[in-house]
Amino acid sequence: MNRVPMTAEGERALREELERLKKVDRPRITQAIAEAREHGDLKENAEYHAAREQQSFAEGRIKDIEHKLSHAQVIDVSAIAHTGKVIFGTTVDLINLDDDSTVTYRIVGEDEADVRNNMISVGSPIARALVGKSEGDEVVVRAPGGDICYEIDQVRHV
């Protein structure tokens, strides 16, 4: 069975969503289905069909989260000694050597990736180029738009 890396924060967020789905959404949807059934003919009952669709989505999401959690390898980077090397879960400050702009990325699991919040998947081209490198190293990222040269300014365990 392949284990999928996940940060402790990512696991916590999935567990919170799972609990909300099971303890809040599921009972609410069940109640909505019961109320819609009381309206009579189910063939032409829009409320019933909408509630059943919500139920299907919620149950699918519950199964998806349970599957992800069962295959997760939770890595708590704060428990790992800081060496200045880029590893899963670290936050990396980069300097673009072409224009001296700076960017910060956190390397996270695939399901946690959110580019708008500078959280990149460990499988992304940037993360693959960075992992194993140290502060001060120059890295060439092979991106679809062309190669980008970065210098690793700082590696933090956040």
C-alpha atoms as a PDB file:
ATOM      1  CA  MET A   1       0.000   0.000   0.000  1.00  0.00           C
ATOM      2  CA  ASN A   2       1.462   3.354  -1.036  1.00  0.00           C
ATOM      3  CA  ARG A   3       1.592   5.955   1.704  1.00  0.00           C
ATOM      4  CA  VAL A   4       0.872   9.555   0.752  1.00  0.00           C
ATOM      5  CA  PRO A   5       2.787  12.278   2.611  1.00  0.00           C
ATOM      6  CA  MET A   6       0.663  14.790   4.510  1.00  0.00           C
ATOM      7  CA  THR A   7       1.489  17.505   7.008  1.00  0.00           C
ATOM      8  CA  ALA A   8       0.059  17.383  10.524  1.00  0.00           C
ATOM      9  CA  GLU A   9      -2.005  20.496   9.683  1.00  0.00           C
ATOM     10  CA  GLY A  10      -3.386  18.823   6.565  1.00  0.00           C
ATOM     11  CA  GLU A  11      -4.410  15.764   8.534  1.00  0.00           C
ATOM     12  CA  ARG A  12      -6.075  17.925  11.188  1.00  0.00           C
ATOM     13  CA  ALA A  13      -8.053  19.842   8.538  1.00  0.00           C
ATOM     14  CA  LEU A  14      -9.270  16.606   6.927  1.00  0.00           C
ATOM     15  CA  ARG A  15     -10.297  15.150  10.299  1.00  0.00           C
ATOM     16  CA  GLU A  16     -12.232  18.338  11.119  1.00  0.00           C
ATOM     17  CA  GLU A  17     -14.012  18.226   7.755  1.00  0.00           C
ATOM     18  CA  LEU A  18     -14.825  14.533   8.253  1.00  0.00           C
ATOM     19  CA  GLU A  19     -16.279  15.204  11.695  1.00  0.00           C
ATOM     20  CA  ARG A  20     -18.391  18.092  10.364  1.00  0.00           C
ATOM     21  CA  LEU A  21     -19.686  15.948   7.504  1.00  0.00           C
ATOM     22  CA  LYS A  22     -20.620  13.084   9.823  1.00  0.00           C
ATOM     23  CA  LYS A  23     -22.002  15.032  12.798  1.00  0.00           C
ATOM     24  CA  VAL A  24     -23.515  18.140  11.203  1.00  0.00           C
ATOM     25  CA  ASP A  25     -24.130  17.714   7.481  1.00  0.00           C
ATOM     26  CA  ARG A  26     -25.257  14.065   7.449  1.00  0.00           C
ATOM     27  CA  PRO A  27     -28.030  14.541  10.081  1.00  0.00           C
ATOM     28  CA  ARG A  28     -29.150  17.808   8.425  1.00  0.00           C
ATOM     29  CA  ILE A  29     -29.422  16.115   5.027  1.00  0.00           C
ATOM     30  CA  THR A  30     -31.257  13.109   6.491  1.00  0.00           C
ATOM     31  CA  GLN A  31     -33.765  15.488   8.084  1.00  0.00           C
ATOM     32  CA  ALA A  32     -34.208  17.343   4.771  1.00  0.00           C
ATOM     33  CA  ILE A  33     -34.916  14.046   2.970  1.00  0.00           C
ATOM     34  CA  ALA A  34     -37.479  13.065   5.623  1.00  0.00           C
ATOM     35  CA  GLU A  35     -39.226  16.432   5.318  1.00  0.00           C
ATOM     36  CA  ALA A  36     -39.249  16.250   1.522  1.00  0.00           C
ATOM     37  CA  ARG A  37     -40.786  12.748   1.631  1.00  0.00           C
ATOM     38  CA  GLU A  38     -43.690  14.148   3.610  1.00  0.00           C
ATOM     39  CA  HIS A  39     -44.584  16.363   0.641  1.00  0.00           C
ATOM     40  CA  GLY A  40     -45.826  13.379  -1.297  1.00  0.00           C
ATOM     41  CA  ASP A  41     -44.976  12.319  -4.869  1.00  0.00           C
ATOM     42  CA  LEU A  42     -41.197  11.807  -4.990  1.00  0.00           C
ATOM     43  CA  LYS A  43     -40.965  11.828  -8.818  1.00  0.00           C
ATOM     44  CA  GLU A  44     -41.704  15.545  -9.068  1.00  0.00           C
ATOM     45  CA  ASN A  45     -40.377  16.614  -5.675  1.00  0.00           C
ATOM     46  CA  ALA A  46     -37.441  19.004  -6.274  1.00  0.00           C
ATOM     47  CA  GLU A  47     -36.597  19.308  -2.579  1.00  0.00           C
ATOM     48  CA  TYR A  48     -36.292  15.529  -2.291  1.00  0.00           C
ATOM     49  CA  HIS A  49     -34.025  15.257  -5.348  1.00  0.00           C
ATOM     50  CA  ALA A  50     -31.853  18.156  -4.141  1.00  0.00           C
ATOM     51  CA  ALA A  51     -31.488  16.582  -0.691  1.00  0.00           C
ATOM     52  CA  ARG A  52     -30.613  13.196  -2.231  1.00  0.00           C
ATOM     53  CA  GLU A  53     -27.983  14.895  -4.389  1.00  0.00           C
ATOM     54  CA  GLN A  54     -26.502  16.575  -1.296  1.00  0.00           C
ATOM     55  CA  GLN A  55     -26.513  13.224   0.462  1.00  0.00           C
ATOM     56  CA  SER A  56     -24.680  11.593  -2.434  1.00  0.00           C
ATOM     57  CA  PHE A  57     -22.045  14.342  -2.459  1.00  0.00           C
ATOM     58  CA  ALA A  58     -21.548  14.213   1.324  1.00  0.00           C
ATOM     59  CA  GLU A  59     -21.239  10.419   1.422  1.00  0.00           C
ATOM     60  CA  GLY A  60     -18.766  10.491  -1.477  1.00  0.00           C
ATOM     61  CA  ARG A  61     -16.672  13.124   0.296  1.00  0.00           C
ATOM     62  CA  ILE A  62     -16.739  11.094   3.540  1.00  0.00           C
ATOM     63  CA  LYS A  63     -15.428   8.025   1.690  1.00  0.00           C
ATOM     64  CA  ASP A  64     -12.791  10.142  -0.081  1.00  0.00           C
ATOM     65  CA  ILE A  65     -11.503  11.654   3.182  1.00  0.00           C
ATOM     66  CA  GLU A  66     -11.492   8.296   4.977  1.00  0.00           C
ATOM     67  CA  HIS A  67      -9.488   6.800   2.089  1.00  0.00           C
ATOM     68  CA  LYS A  68      -6.981   9.675   2.147  1.00  0.00           C
ATOM     69  CA  LEU A  69      -6.533   9.449   5.898  1.00  0.00           C
ATOM     70  CA  SER A  70      -6.057   5.674   5.784  1.00  0.00           C
ATOM     71  CA  HIS A  71      -3.243   6.079   3.236  1.00  0.00           C
ATOM     72  CA  ALA A  72      -1.650   9.167   4.793  1.00  0.00           C
ATOM     73  CA  GLN A  73       1.859   9.236   6.162  1.00  0.00           C
ATOM     74  CA  VAL A  74       1.690  12.203   8.497  1.00  0.00           C
ATOM     75  CA  ILE A  75       4.978  14.054   8.736  1.00  0.00           C
ATOM     76  CA  ASP A  76       5.378  16.609  11.504  1.00  0.00           C
ATOM     77  CA  VAL A  77       8.285  18.728  10.311  1.00  0.00           C
ATOM     78  CA  SER A  78       8.532  20.489  13.680  1.00  0.00           C
ATOM     79  CA  ALA A  79       9.749  17.198  15.179  1.00  0.00           C
ATOM     80  CA  ILE A  80      12.623  16.974  12.674  1.00  0.00           C
ATOM     81  CA  ALA A  81      15.950  18.667  13.427  1.00  0.00           C
ATOM     82  CA  HIS A  82      16.557  21.803  11.346  1.00  0.00           C
ATOM     83  CA  THR A  83      19.498  21.223   8.991  1.00  0.00           C
ATOM     84  CA  GLY A  84      18.938  23.951   6.402  1.00  0.00           C
ATOM     85  CA  LYS A  85      17.951  21.313   3.853  1.00  0.00           C
ATOM     86  CA  VAL A  86      14.683  21.450   1.966  1.00  0.00           C
ATOM     87  CA  ILE A  87      12.435  18.554   2.989  1.00  0.00           C
ATOM     88  CA  PHE A  88       8.723  17.831   2.952  1.00  0.00           C
ATOM     89  CA  GLY A  89       6.848  20.344   5.091  1.00  0.00           C
ATOM     90  CA  THR A  90       9.486  23.067   5.107  1.00  0.00           C
ATOM     91  CA  THR A  91       8.923  26.652   4.029  1.00  0.00           C
ATOM     92  CA  VAL A  92      11.468  27.907   1.515  1.00  0.00           C
ATOM     93  CA  ASP A  93      12.331  31.521   0.650  1.00  0.00           C
ATOM     94  CA  LEU A  94      13.657  31.775  -2.898  1.00  0.00           C
ATOM     95  CA  ILE A  95      15.336  34.570  -4.840  1.00  0.00           C
ATOM     96  CA  ASN A  96      14.740  34.601  -8.588  1.00  0.00           C
ATOM     97  CA  LEU A  97      18.213  35.125 -10.047  1.00  0.00           C
ATOM     98  CA  ASP A  98      16.829  36.677 -13.251  1.00  0.00           C
ATOM     99  CA  ASP A  99      14.971  39.601 -11.662  1.00  0.00           C
ATOM    100  CA  ASP A 100      15.888  39.467  -7.914  1.00  0.00           C
ATOM    101  CA  SER A 101      12.225  38.960  -6.950  1.00  0.00           C
ATOM    102  CA  THR A 102      11.502  36.783  -3.934  1.00  0.00           C
ATOM    103  CA  VAL A 103       8.902  34.095  -3.401  1.00  0.00           C
ATOM    104  CA  THR A 104       8.096  31.798  -0.502  1.00  0.00           C
ATOM    105  CA  TYR A 105       6.714  28.280  -0.848  1.00  0.00           C
ATOM    106  CA  ARG A 106       5.718  25.606   1.624  1.00  0.00           C
ATOM    107  CA  ILE A 107       6.110  22.030   0.398  1.00  0.00           C
ATOM    108  CA  VAL A 108       3.033  20.001   1.314  1.00  0.00           C
ATOM    109  CA  GLY A 109       1.102  16.902   0.275  1.00  0.00           C
ATOM    110  CA  GLU A 110      -0.803  16.749  -2.983  1.00  0.00           C
ATOM    111  CA  ASP A 111      -4.207  17.243  -1.348  1.00  0.00           C
ATOM    112  CA  GLU A 112      -3.012  20.251   0.651  1.00  0.00           C
ATOM    113  CA  ALA A 113      -1.507  22.168  -2.268  1.00  0.00           C
ATOM    114  CA  ASP A 114      -2.909  25.662  -2.736  1.00  0.00           C
ATOM    115  CA  VAL A 115      -0.886  27.870  -5.073  1.00  0.00           C
ATOM    116  CA  ARG A 116      -2.784  31.017  -4.009  1.00  0.00           C
ATOM    117  CA  ASN A 117      -1.413  30.487  -0.496  1.00  0.00           C
ATOM    118  CA  ASN A 118       2.053  29.463  -1.780  1.00  0.00           C
ATOM    119  CA  MET A 119       1.592  25.853  -0.705  1.00  0.00           C
ATOM    120  CA  ILE A 120       2.985  23.597  -3.420  1.00  0.00           C
ATOM    121  CA  SER A 121       2.690  19.854  -3.864  1.00  0.00           C
ATOM    122  CA  VAL A 122       5.774  17.778  -3.132  1.00  0.00           C
ATOM    123  CA  GLY A 123       5.335  16.379  -6.666  1.00  0.00           C
ATOM    124  CA  SER A 124       5.386  19.784  -8.407  1.00  0.00           C
ATOM    125  CA  PRO A 125       8.363  20.704 -10.603  1.00  0.00           C
ATOM    126  CA  ILE A 126       9.488  23.414  -8.166  1.00  0.00           C
ATOM    127  CA  ALA A 127       9.318  21.131  -5.125  1.00  0.00           C
ATOM    128  CA  ARG A 128      11.096  18.290  -6.937  1.00  0.00           C
ATOM    129  CA  ALA A 129      13.920  20.678  -7.831  1.00  0.00           C
ATOM    130  CA  LEU A 130      14.168  22.009  -4.252  1.00  0.00           C
ATOM    131  CA  VAL A 131      13.949  18.859  -2.113  1.00  0.00           C
ATOM    132  CA  GLY A 132      17.363  17.823  -0.833  1.00  0.00           C
ATOM    133  CA  LYS A 133      18.997  21.177  -1.553  1.00  0.00           C
ATOM    134  CA  SER A 134      20.335  23.524   1.140  1.00  0.00           C
ATOM    135  CA  GLU A 135      20.330  27.222   1.934  1.00  0.00           C
ATOM    136  CA  GLY A 136      22.576  29.092  -0.508  1.00  0.00           C
ATOM    137  CA  ASP A 137      22.210  26.497  -3.288  1.00  0.00           C
ATOM    138  CA  GLU A 138      21.213  27.586  -6.768  1.00  0.00           C
ATOM    139  CA  VAL A 139      18.404  25.591  -8.324  1.00  0.00           C
ATOM    140  CA  VAL A 140      17.118  25.448 -11.891  1.00  0.00           C
ATOM    141  CA  VAL A 141      13.405  24.732 -12.089  1.00  0.00           C
ATOM    142  CA  ARG A 142      12.269  23.265 -15.379  1.00  0.00           C
ATOM    143  CA  ALA A 143       8.841  24.857 -15.753  1.00  0.00           C
ATOM    144  CA  PRO A 144       6.473  24.701 -18.733  1.00  0.00           C
ATOM    145  CA  GLY A 145       7.232  28.383 -19.465  1.00  0.00           C
ATOM    146  CA  GLY A 146      10.992  27.776 -19.453  1.00  0.00           C
ATOM    147  CA  ASP A 147      13.799  27.299 -16.961  1.00  0.00           C
ATOM    148  CA  ILE A 148      13.820  29.522 -13.858  1.00  0.00           C
ATOM    149  CA  CYS A 149      16.948  29.975 -11.743  1.00  0.00           C
ATOM    150  CA  TYR A 150      16.496  30.434  -7.995  1.00  0.00           C
ATOM    151  CA  GLU A 151      18.794  30.746  -5.023  1.00  0.00           C
ATOM    152  CA  ILE A 152      17.556  29.196  -1.790  1.00  0.00           C
ATOM    153  CA  ASP A 153      17.672  32.088   0.672  1.00  0.00           C
ATOM    154  CA  GLN A 154      16.196  30.442   3.761  1.00  0.00           C
ATOM    155  CA  VAL A 155      14.654  27.121   4.805  1.00  0.00           C
ATOM    156  CA  ARG A 156      12.278  27.202   7.773  1.00  0.00           C
ATOM    157  CA  HIS A 157      10.393  24.577   9.748  1.00  0.00           C
ATOM    158  CA  VAL A 158       7.059  26.263  10.398  1.00  0.00           C
END
